[in-house]
Amino acid sequence: MRVLLVQPPTPLEVETLSSIDMVAPSMGLAYLAAVLEQHGYAVEILDAPALQVTHEQLPRELERRKPDLVGVTATTAVIGSALKTAETAKAVLPEATVVLGGAHLTFTQETTMSLCPSVDVGVVGEGEYTLLELVQTLEKGGSLKDVKGIIYREDGRLVKTPPRPLIANLDELPFPARHLLPMDQYRAFGKKRILGTIFTSRGCPFSCIFCSSSLLFGKKFRARSPKNVVDEIEQFQREYNSKFVEIIDDIFILDRKRAEAICRELMERNLGTVWVCSARIDLMTKELMQMLRKAGCVMIYYGVESGVQRVVDLMKKGIKVDHAFKVIQWARELGMESVASFVVGIPGETWEEAVQTIKFAKKLNAEYAQFAIATPFPGTELYEMAKREGLLLTEDWSQYTVLKPVMRTRELSAEQLKKLIRKCYLEYYLRPRIMWNYIRRGHARELLVNVIGHYLWQAVKAGVKGLFKPAASTPPPVDSELRVKT
């Protein structure tokens, strides 16, 4: 069988990507392709955002490749584009099997399958060996009921098979098939960059109410061995002549001994790798940070979430916010940069507490700050809460970009949340010290055009005069606020 894996075109509504002109490799598709190739199958990847392929151009691309199976992946914000891609695939290649996978399908199986009859099979959860078994079964004419981890159509009804166990030993996976990706077409801030994105672990034992990662990859932390990780880094650097790597694990440092072992392996091989990663502030120590820095780590992303401990507790984050000051200071002393991420608009948070978070972020003064509106993605505890309490404003998934309010709270209306996210970015970045630091580093364009340009334009449209004034603190009546699209 010939297999085509598709990253669908990105809707313009997804500002988190379009406003910074960011297109990164789909490592999920690269892993799926690697496993299929390992077992002798002919695979191609069509990364529509990277190649700037539109929905109008998709039929030509599909007809040219003529696959027997088309696999489409989607997060929540791009599910509409993914379903449109599936419909196009079925129209152009009626005999092909159309498969949909990804986080959104995993948490909305029946609903999503019902919305799009063009999707023949849905892959639920971790997909590498599920897709392999599905392809093998289709090729042999076997029964789909024997394939674990799928939902499919049979005699006009949807059938779900038992879940597939998570992959216990991640070292058994082949390295992702980057050779099938247009590696020279990825970009950040409008500049083409060879992006070395690497997963070294899966799973998260924590219970943040807005995060679906632990639901998708499990509560148990599963990690690749240090040698396996650095073998992939070395292969990437050799094949693409790039020393820049981003470790995109949820929590790279959860197993401190393993993180230190990876650092030692990098230093022993003397690869000169320049890399970034993510970490929890409560797991970081100065000694560990020193080790990371020696091994070439130059930036760490931290989910601080709020400057108010009560709000952090509402999120079930399980950290003490004041610890962030020590961690960011350690980074400065070691010559490392930090990204501090914050979420505003969690149910229970007041306008005054959100404003306090902005003040906290400015006092923390990380080199970069990221702000998001609390977004109830399907599968999360936040989504169940929003549904139960009647807080959802829409289930138009293209609006689930973390920069648009799709949920009100009893404390904050949609209009307040719109004003709040603008206030966050403009107050943080339009400070002389921050602007000078960007200019000094040669990042003026990124700051003025990409990072805050979107919000500045929104502010102009909204009227700058009222930008920093809080909206009425009492939410509108439920009947006038809730506009749920089903």
Protein backbone atom coordinates (compact mmCIF):
# COMPACT_ATOMS: atom_id res chain seq x y z
CA MET A 1 0.00 0.00 0.00
CA ARG A 2 1.02 3.57 -0.72
CA VAL A 3 0.42 5.93 2.21
CA LEU A 4 0.14 9.70 2.18
CA LEU A 5 0.19 11.54 5.52
CA VAL A 6 -1.18 15.09 5.45
CA GLN A 7 -0.75 18.11 7.69
CA PRO A 8 -3.78 20.16 6.58
CA PRO A 9 -3.61 23.84 5.63
CA THR A 10 -3.58 26.10 8.70
CA PRO A 11 -6.63 28.37 9.00
CA LEU A 12 -5.88 32.07 9.17
CA GLU A 13 -7.77 32.17 12.48
CA VAL A 14 -4.86 30.47 14.24
CA GLU A 15 -3.08 33.69 15.22
CA THR A 16 -0.62 31.93 17.51
CA LEU A 17 1.05 30.69 14.33
CA SER A 18 0.07 33.21 11.68
CA SER A 19 0.96 36.33 13.69
CA ILE A 20 4.54 35.15 14.18
CA ASP A 21 4.68 33.39 10.80
CA MET A 22 5.62 30.13 12.48
CA VAL A 23 5.58 26.80 10.65
CA ALA A 24 7.25 23.89 12.46
CA PRO A 25 7.75 20.26 11.44
CA SER A 26 4.98 17.77 12.26
CA MET A 27 6.94 15.29 14.34
CA GLY A 28 3.79 13.21 14.85
CA LEU A 29 3.55 12.51 11.12
CA ALA A 30 7.31 11.95 10.92
CA TYR A 31 7.09 9.23 13.58
CA LEU A 32 4.12 7.57 11.86
CA ALA A 33 6.02 7.58 8.57
CA ALA A 34 9.19 6.19 10.16
CA VAL A 35 7.38 3.18 11.60
CA LEU A 36 5.66 2.46 8.27
CA GLU A 37 8.95 2.79 6.37
CA GLN A 38 10.62 0.48 8.87
CA HIS A 39 8.09 -2.17 7.84
CA GLY A 40 8.59 -1.68 4.12
CA TYR A 41 5.76 0.66 3.17
CA ALA A 42 6.01 3.52 0.68
CA VAL A 43 5.15 6.72 2.53
CA GLU A 44 4.97 10.39 1.66
CA ILE A 45 4.22 13.41 3.85
CA LEU A 46 2.37 16.42 2.50
CA ASP A 47 2.98 19.30 4.90
CA ALA A 48 0.53 21.83 3.47
CA PRO A 49 1.43 24.79 5.74
CA ALA A 50 5.15 24.46 5.06
CA LEU A 51 4.66 24.10 1.30
CA GLN A 52 1.89 26.72 1.31
CA VAL A 53 -0.55 24.30 -0.30
CA THR A 54 -4.12 25.60 -0.12
CA HIS A 55 -7.37 23.64 -0.09
CA GLU A 56 -7.83 24.63 -3.73
CA GLN A 57 -4.49 23.02 -4.60
CA LEU A 58 -5.04 19.83 -2.59
CA PRO A 59 -6.90 17.88 -5.33
CA ARG A 60 -3.93 18.23 -7.68
CA GLU A 61 -1.49 17.08 -4.98
CA LEU A 62 -3.64 14.06 -4.11
CA GLU A 63 -4.20 13.08 -7.74
CA ARG A 64 -0.48 13.29 -8.46
CA ARG A 65 0.43 10.95 -5.59
CA LYS A 66 -2.50 8.50 -5.86
CA PRO A 67 -2.13 6.91 -2.38
CA ASP A 68 -4.15 3.91 -1.21
CA LEU A 69 -4.48 5.44 2.25
CA VAL A 70 -4.64 9.12 3.22
CA GLY A 71 -3.90 9.92 6.87
CA VAL A 72 -4.80 13.39 8.17
CA THR A 73 -3.80 14.79 11.56
CA ALA A 74 -5.38 17.64 13.49
CA THR A 75 -5.29 19.57 16.72
CA THR A 76 -8.51 21.23 17.85
CA ALA A 77 -7.94 24.59 16.13
CA VAL A 78 -7.36 22.99 12.71
CA ILE A 79 -9.96 20.21 12.86
CA GLY A 80 -12.23 22.06 10.41
CA SER A 81 -9.39 22.22 7.89
CA ALA A 82 -8.62 18.54 8.52
CA LEU A 83 -12.21 17.48 7.84
CA LYS A 84 -12.23 19.55 4.66
CA THR A 85 -9.00 17.79 3.67
CA ALA A 86 -10.63 14.41 4.34
CA GLU A 87 -13.63 15.35 2.18
CA THR A 88 -11.32 16.39 -0.65
CA ALA A 89 -9.36 13.15 -0.37
CA LYS A 90 -12.51 11.03 -0.58
CA ALA A 91 -13.82 13.03 -3.54
CA VAL A 92 -10.55 12.79 -5.49
CA LEU A 93 -9.67 9.22 -4.44
CA PRO A 94 -12.98 7.45 -3.68
CA GLU A 95 -11.29 4.06 -3.39
CA ALA A 96 -8.68 5.23 -0.89
CA THR A 97 -9.08 4.72 2.86
CA VAL A 98 -9.25 8.07 4.65
CA VAL A 99 -7.92 8.05 8.21
CA LEU A 100 -8.03 10.85 10.79
CA GLY A 101 -5.88 11.04 13.92
CA GLY A 102 -4.63 13.50 16.51
CA ALA A 103 -5.68 14.94 19.84
CA HIS A 104 -9.03 16.37 18.75
CA LEU A 105 -10.28 13.11 17.25
CA THR A 106 -9.09 11.23 20.32
CA PHE A 107 -11.29 13.29 22.64
CA THR A 108 -14.31 13.74 20.35
CA GLN A 109 -14.43 10.42 18.55
CA GLU A 110 -18.13 9.90 17.85
CA THR A 111 -18.89 13.58 17.30
CA THR A 112 -16.06 14.12 14.83
CA MET A 113 -16.71 10.91 12.91
CA SER A 114 -20.39 11.78 12.67
CA LEU A 115 -19.57 15.23 11.29
CA CYS A 116 -17.52 13.85 8.40
CA PRO A 117 -18.67 10.67 6.61
CA SER A 118 -15.57 10.95 4.40
CA VAL A 119 -13.41 9.72 7.31
CA ASP A 120 -13.38 5.92 7.19
CA VAL A 121 -11.26 5.28 10.28
CA GLY A 122 -10.21 7.33 13.31
CA VAL A 123 -6.95 6.55 15.10
CA VAL A 124 -7.31 7.13 18.84
CA GLY A 125 -4.38 8.17 21.02
CA GLU A 126 -0.77 7.22 20.35
CA GLY A 127 -0.84 6.30 16.69
CA GLU A 128 2.43 4.73 15.48
CA TYR A 129 1.61 1.04 15.90
CA THR A 130 -2.12 1.53 15.47
CA LEU A 131 -1.60 2.96 11.99
CA LEU A 132 0.90 0.22 11.15
CA GLU A 133 -1.54 -2.51 12.18
CA LEU A 134 -4.35 -0.75 10.31
CA VAL A 135 -2.32 -0.65 7.07
CA GLN A 136 -1.29 -4.29 7.47
CA THR A 137 -4.89 -5.33 8.11
CA LEU A 138 -6.26 -3.41 5.11
CA GLU A 139 -3.54 -4.83 2.88
CA LYS A 140 -4.37 -8.40 3.90
CA GLY A 141 -8.14 -7.87 3.78
CA GLY A 142 -8.48 -8.56 7.50
CA SER A 143 -11.14 -7.39 9.94
CA LEU A 144 -10.84 -3.91 11.44
CA LYS A 145 -12.34 -5.15 14.70
CA ASP A 146 -8.98 -6.79 15.41
CA VAL A 147 -7.08 -3.47 15.23
CA LYS A 148 -6.77 -1.91 18.68
CA GLY A 149 -7.19 1.83 19.14
CA ILE A 150 -9.51 2.78 16.27
CA ILE A 151 -13.08 3.87 15.57
CA TYR A 152 -14.54 2.94 12.18
CA ARG A 153 -17.75 2.62 10.21
CA GLU A 154 -19.57 -0.66 9.75
CA ASP A 155 -23.07 -1.02 8.28
CA GLY A 156 -23.88 2.62 8.96
CA ARG A 157 -22.78 2.63 12.59
CA LEU A 158 -19.61 3.56 14.44
CA VAL A 159 -17.57 0.78 16.01
CA LYS A 160 -14.87 1.34 18.62
CA THR A 161 -12.17 -1.22 19.29
CA PRO A 162 -10.38 -1.71 22.63
CA PRO A 163 -7.68 0.91 23.40
CA ARG A 164 -4.09 0.20 22.46
CA PRO A 165 -1.60 0.09 25.33
CA LEU A 166 0.89 2.97 25.33
CA ILE A 167 4.36 2.22 23.98
CA ALA A 168 6.37 1.05 26.97
CA ASN A 169 9.85 1.35 25.46
CA LEU A 170 10.20 4.52 23.38
CA ASP A 171 13.71 3.49 22.31
CA GLU A 172 12.10 0.90 20.03
CA LEU A 173 10.67 3.65 17.83
CA PRO A 174 12.79 4.59 14.82
CA PHE A 175 13.95 8.17 14.55
CA PRO A 176 11.31 10.39 12.90
CA ALA A 177 11.41 10.42 9.09
CA ARG A 178 12.66 13.97 8.63
CA HIS A 179 13.78 13.10 5.11
CA LEU A 180 10.09 13.06 4.13
CA LEU A 181 9.53 16.58 5.49
CA PRO A 182 10.37 19.80 3.59
CA MET A 183 13.00 20.69 6.16
CA ASP A 184 14.16 23.74 4.21
CA GLN A 185 10.68 25.26 4.24
CA TYR A 186 10.04 25.69 7.96
CA ARG A 187 10.15 29.17 9.41
CA ALA A 188 9.81 31.29 12.52
CA PHE A 189 9.18 35.04 12.51
CA GLY A 190 9.12 34.91 8.73
CA LYS A 191 12.67 33.54 8.45
CA LYS A 192 13.37 30.08 7.08
CA ARG A 193 15.08 27.89 9.67
CA ILE A 194 16.13 24.27 9.87
CA LEU A 195 14.18 23.32 13.01
CA GLY A 196 15.51 20.37 14.99
CA THR A 197 12.45 19.53 17.09
CA ILE A 198 12.91 16.42 19.24
CA PHE A 199 10.72 14.46 21.65
CA THR A 200 12.71 12.68 24.37
CA SER A 201 9.76 11.60 26.52
CA ARG A 202 5.99 11.22 26.63
CA GLY A 203 3.48 11.39 29.45
CA CYS A 204 2.94 13.76 32.37
CA PRO A 205 1.97 12.84 35.95
CA PHE A 206 0.51 16.28 36.76
CA SER A 207 -3.13 17.36 36.56
CA CYS A 208 -3.38 20.94 35.23
CA ILE A 209 -7.04 21.43 34.39
CA PHE A 210 -6.36 23.10 31.00
CA CYS A 211 -3.91 20.52 29.60
CA SER A 212 -4.79 17.39 27.62
CA SER A 213 -1.25 16.06 27.22
CA SER A 214 -1.42 13.62 30.13
CA LEU A 215 -4.75 12.37 28.81
CA LEU A 216 -3.30 11.75 25.35
CA PHE A 217 0.05 10.27 26.34
CA GLY A 218 -0.78 9.00 29.82
CA LYS A 219 0.03 9.94 33.38
CA LYS A 220 3.09 7.71 33.43
CA PHE A 221 6.31 9.41 32.37
CA ARG A 222 7.95 7.36 29.62
CA ALA A 223 11.41 8.40 28.52
CA ARG A 224 13.99 7.52 25.90
CA SER A 225 17.48 6.59 27.04
CA PRO A 226 20.17 9.31 27.00
CA LYS A 227 22.15 7.49 24.29
CA ASN A 228 19.09 7.13 22.07
CA VAL A 229 18.27 10.83 22.45
CA VAL A 230 21.78 12.06 21.68
CA ASP A 231 22.09 9.61 18.76
CA GLU A 232 19.10 11.39 17.18
CA ILE A 233 20.55 14.83 17.92
CA GLU A 234 23.85 13.81 16.34
CA GLN A 235 22.08 12.39 13.29
CA PHE A 236 20.06 15.59 12.87
CA GLN A 237 23.13 17.82 13.16
CA ARG A 238 25.07 15.70 10.68
CA GLU A 239 22.32 15.45 8.05
CA TYR A 240 21.04 19.03 8.21
CA ASN A 241 24.20 20.91 9.16
CA SER A 242 22.44 22.64 12.02
CA LYS A 243 23.34 22.76 15.69
CA PHE A 244 20.02 24.22 16.85
CA VAL A 245 17.66 21.81 18.63
CA GLU A 246 14.38 22.27 20.47
CA ILE A 247 13.41 19.57 22.95
CA ILE A 248 9.61 19.69 22.90
CA ASP A 249 8.80 17.40 25.83
CA ASP A 250 6.20 18.62 28.30
CA ILE A 251 8.68 18.28 31.16
CA PHE A 252 12.21 17.46 30.04
CA ILE A 253 13.64 17.55 33.58
CA LEU A 254 11.05 15.37 35.34
CA ASP A 255 13.67 12.62 35.71
CA ARG A 256 16.60 14.72 36.84
CA LYS A 257 19.18 11.91 36.60
CA ARG A 258 18.19 11.21 32.99
CA ALA A 259 18.35 14.92 32.10
CA GLU A 260 21.84 15.13 33.59
CA ALA A 261 22.87 11.98 31.73
CA ILE A 262 21.72 13.51 28.43
CA CYS A 263 23.79 16.59 29.25
CA ARG A 264 26.87 14.47 29.95
CA GLU A 265 26.36 12.55 26.70
CA LEU A 266 26.14 15.80 24.74
CA MET A 267 29.31 17.13 26.35
CA GLU A 268 31.25 13.89 25.88
CA ARG A 269 30.45 13.85 22.16
CA ASN A 270 31.35 17.54 21.88
CA LEU A 271 28.57 18.20 19.38
CA GLY A 272 28.30 21.92 20.11
CA THR A 273 24.52 21.62 20.24
CA VAL A 274 22.60 24.81 21.02
CA TRP A 275 19.24 23.85 22.46
CA VAL A 276 16.11 24.85 24.36
CA CYS A 277 13.63 22.90 26.49
CA SER A 278 10.65 23.20 28.85
CA ALA A 279 10.61 22.75 32.63
CA ARG A 280 8.49 23.20 35.74
CA ILE A 281 9.80 25.83 38.13
CA ASP A 282 9.34 23.52 41.12
CA LEU A 283 11.58 20.85 39.58
CA MET A 284 14.45 23.17 38.70
CA THR A 285 17.52 23.53 40.90
CA LYS A 286 20.50 25.80 40.36
CA GLU A 287 22.81 22.79 40.08
CA LEU A 288 20.65 21.22 37.37
CA MET A 289 20.45 24.50 35.49
CA GLN A 290 24.22 24.79 35.59
CA MET A 291 24.48 21.32 34.04
CA LEU A 292 21.96 22.22 31.34
CA ARG A 293 23.89 25.38 30.53
CA LYS A 294 27.23 23.57 30.28
CA ALA A 295 25.63 21.14 27.82
CA GLY A 296 24.51 23.97 25.52
CA CYS A 297 21.00 24.83 26.73
CA VAL A 298 20.40 28.53 26.10
CA MET A 299 16.69 28.97 26.88
CA ILE A 300 14.05 27.30 29.06
CA TYR A 301 10.27 27.64 28.83
CA TYR A 302 8.38 27.70 32.16
CA GLY A 303 4.64 27.42 32.73
CA VAL A 304 4.30 29.96 35.54
CA GLU A 305 0.57 30.41 34.68
CA SER A 306 -0.35 33.15 37.20
CA GLY A 307 1.11 35.59 39.67
CA VAL A 308 -1.61 34.78 42.20
CA GLN A 309 -1.20 31.61 44.23
CA ARG A 310 -4.96 31.17 44.65
CA VAL A 311 -5.40 31.14 40.87
CA VAL A 312 -2.51 28.70 40.38
CA ASP A 313 -4.24 26.42 42.88
CA LEU A 314 -7.50 26.69 40.91
CA MET A 315 -5.55 25.43 37.89
CA LYS A 316 -4.22 22.47 39.94
CA LYS A 317 -0.74 23.39 38.75
CA GLY A 318 0.90 22.37 42.02
CA ILE A 319 3.65 25.00 42.12
CA LYS A 320 4.53 27.98 44.34
CA VAL A 321 4.63 31.07 42.14
CA ASP A 322 7.27 32.91 44.18
CA HIS A 323 9.78 30.20 43.27
CA ALA A 324 9.76 31.62 39.73
CA PHE A 325 11.85 34.61 40.87
CA LYS A 326 14.69 32.38 42.02
CA VAL A 327 14.62 30.30 38.83
CA ILE A 328 14.66 33.31 36.49
CA GLN A 329 17.47 34.89 38.52
CA TRP A 330 19.56 31.70 38.29
CA ALA A 331 19.10 31.80 34.52
CA ARG A 332 20.33 35.40 34.32
CA GLU A 333 23.39 34.56 36.39
CA LEU A 334 24.19 31.69 34.01
CA GLY A 335 23.58 33.70 30.84
CA MET A 336 20.43 31.79 29.88
CA GLU A 337 17.16 33.21 28.57
CA SER A 338 13.72 32.36 29.95
CA VAL A 339 10.21 32.22 28.58
CA ALA A 340 7.46 32.62 31.17
CA SER A 341 4.00 31.47 30.15
CA PHE A 342 0.78 32.74 31.75
CA VAL A 343 -2.90 31.84 31.45
CA VAL A 344 -5.65 34.35 32.21
CA GLY A 345 -9.39 33.82 32.47
CA ILE A 346 -9.53 30.58 34.42
CA PRO A 347 -12.93 30.17 36.13
CA GLY A 348 -12.73 31.84 39.53
CA GLU A 349 -10.09 34.44 38.57
CA THR A 350 -11.16 38.07 38.91
CA TRP A 351 -10.14 41.03 36.76
CA GLU A 352 -8.04 42.34 39.64
CA GLU A 353 -6.20 39.02 39.95
CA ALA A 354 -5.50 38.93 36.21
CA VAL A 355 -4.08 42.45 36.41
CA GLN A 356 -1.95 41.29 39.34
CA THR A 357 -0.57 38.55 37.08
CA ILE A 358 0.49 41.16 34.51
CA LYS A 359 2.29 43.08 37.26
CA PHE A 360 3.90 39.84 38.44
CA ALA A 361 5.08 39.04 34.90
CA LYS A 362 6.64 42.49 34.54
CA LYS A 363 8.38 42.15 37.90
CA LEU A 364 9.61 38.66 36.97
CA ASN A 365 10.89 40.21 33.75
CA ALA A 366 11.75 37.08 31.80
CA GLU A 367 13.25 37.75 28.38
CA TYR A 368 10.02 36.52 26.79
CA ALA A 369 6.48 36.24 28.11
CA GLN A 370 3.62 34.33 26.58
CA PHE A 371 0.02 35.00 27.55
CA ALA A 372 -3.00 32.89 26.69
CA ILE A 373 -6.70 32.97 27.40
CA ALA A 374 -7.82 29.87 29.31
CA THR A 375 -9.19 27.62 26.58
CA PRO A 376 -11.29 24.52 27.37
CA PHE A 377 -9.90 21.98 24.91
CA PRO A 378 -11.95 18.77 24.59
CA GLY A 379 -10.83 16.08 26.99
CA THR A 380 -9.61 18.46 29.68
CA GLU A 381 -11.11 19.01 33.11
CA LEU A 382 -11.59 22.64 32.10
CA TYR A 383 -13.77 21.59 29.16
CA GLU A 384 -15.94 19.40 31.36
CA MET A 385 -16.27 22.25 33.84
CA ALA A 386 -17.23 24.73 31.11
CA LYS A 387 -19.84 22.35 29.69
CA ARG A 388 -21.26 21.53 33.11
CA GLU A 389 -21.52 25.16 34.22
CA GLY A 390 -22.76 26.56 30.91
CA LEU A 391 -19.70 28.70 30.29
CA LEU A 392 -18.90 27.76 26.67
CA LEU A 393 -19.47 30.54 24.14
CA THR A 394 -18.85 28.43 21.05
CA GLU A 395 -17.76 25.05 19.77
CA ASP A 396 -16.50 26.52 16.54
CA TRP A 397 -13.13 24.84 16.98
CA SER A 398 -11.29 27.27 14.68
CA GLN A 399 -11.72 29.83 17.46
CA TYR A 400 -9.80 27.66 19.96
CA THR A 401 -6.50 29.44 19.38
CA VAL A 402 -5.83 30.48 23.04
CA LEU A 403 -5.99 34.09 21.91
CA LYS A 404 -9.76 34.26 21.47
CA PRO A 405 -12.31 33.88 24.28
CA VAL A 406 -14.36 30.75 23.69
CA MET A 407 -15.49 30.50 27.31
CA ARG A 408 -16.73 33.16 29.67
CA THR A 409 -16.50 32.81 33.42
CA ARG A 410 -18.75 34.03 36.19
CA GLU A 411 -16.14 36.71 36.86
CA LEU A 412 -15.13 37.75 33.34
CA SER A 413 -17.13 38.26 30.13
CA ALA A 414 -15.88 37.62 26.61
CA GLU A 415 -15.29 41.35 26.07
CA GLN A 416 -13.28 41.57 29.27
CA LEU A 417 -11.15 38.64 28.17
CA LYS A 418 -10.47 40.24 24.78
CA LYS A 419 -9.41 43.44 26.51
CA LEU A 420 -7.34 41.48 29.00
CA ILE A 421 -5.23 39.59 26.45
CA ARG A 422 -4.42 42.83 24.63
CA LYS A 423 -3.53 44.45 27.93
CA CYS A 424 -1.20 41.54 28.79
CA TYR A 425 0.89 41.78 25.63
CA LEU A 426 0.96 45.53 25.23
CA GLU A 427 1.76 46.30 28.87
CA TYR A 428 4.50 43.67 28.94
CA TYR A 429 6.25 44.39 25.66
CA LEU A 430 5.70 48.14 25.27
CA ARG A 431 8.19 48.97 27.99
CA PRO A 432 11.37 50.88 27.15
CA ARG A 433 13.67 48.30 28.77
CA ILE A 434 12.07 45.36 26.95
CA MET A 435 12.02 47.19 23.63
CA TRP A 436 15.66 48.21 23.99
CA ASN A 437 16.69 44.63 24.78
CA TYR A 438 14.99 43.43 21.60
CA ILE A 439 16.59 46.15 19.51
CA ARG A 440 20.01 45.47 21.06
CA ARG A 441 19.72 41.78 20.14
CA GLY A 442 18.62 42.59 16.61
CA HIS A 443 15.03 41.43 17.17
CA ALA A 444 13.21 44.71 16.58
CA ARG A 445 11.19 43.30 13.70
CA GLU A 446 10.07 40.30 15.75
CA LEU A 447 8.94 42.54 18.59
CA LEU A 448 7.19 45.30 16.67
CA VAL A 449 5.76 43.34 13.76
CA ASN A 450 5.23 39.78 14.89
CA VAL A 451 5.02 39.56 18.67
CA ILE A 452 2.76 42.49 19.47
CA GLY A 453 1.70 43.77 16.05
CA HIS A 454 -1.48 41.72 16.12
CA TYR A 455 -2.50 43.11 19.49
CA LEU A 456 -1.46 46.65 18.63
CA TRP A 457 -3.73 46.58 15.58
CA GLN A 458 -6.56 45.19 17.69
CA ALA A 459 -5.97 48.01 20.17
CA VAL A 460 -6.21 50.62 17.44
CA LYS A 461 -9.47 49.10 16.24
CA ALA A 462 -10.81 48.88 19.78
CA GLY A 463 -9.75 52.41 20.67
CA VAL A 464 -6.56 52.84 22.63
CA LYS A 465 -8.18 55.30 25.02
CA GLY A 466 -10.18 52.58 26.75
CA LEU A 467 -7.64 49.81 26.37
CA PHE A 468 -6.28 49.71 29.89
CA LYS A 469 -9.54 50.38 31.70
CA PRO A 470 -11.30 47.34 33.13
CA ALA A 471 -14.64 46.48 31.59
CA ALA A 472 -17.64 46.17 33.85
CA SER A 473 -16.82 43.59 36.50
CA THR A 474 -20.26 42.00 36.42
CA PRO A 475 -20.63 39.45 33.61
CA PRO A 476 -23.58 39.94 31.25
CA PRO A 477 -26.67 37.80 31.82
CA VAL A 478 -26.24 34.20 30.71
CA ASP A 479 -28.88 34.45 27.97
CA SER A 480 -27.11 37.29 26.19
CA GLU A 481 -23.59 35.90 26.68
CA LEU A 482 -23.88 32.25 25.75
CA ARG A 483 -24.00 31.60 22.03
CA VAL A 484 -23.19 27.93 21.74
CA LYS A 485 -22.77 26.57 18.22
CA THR A 486 -23.38 22.84 18.04
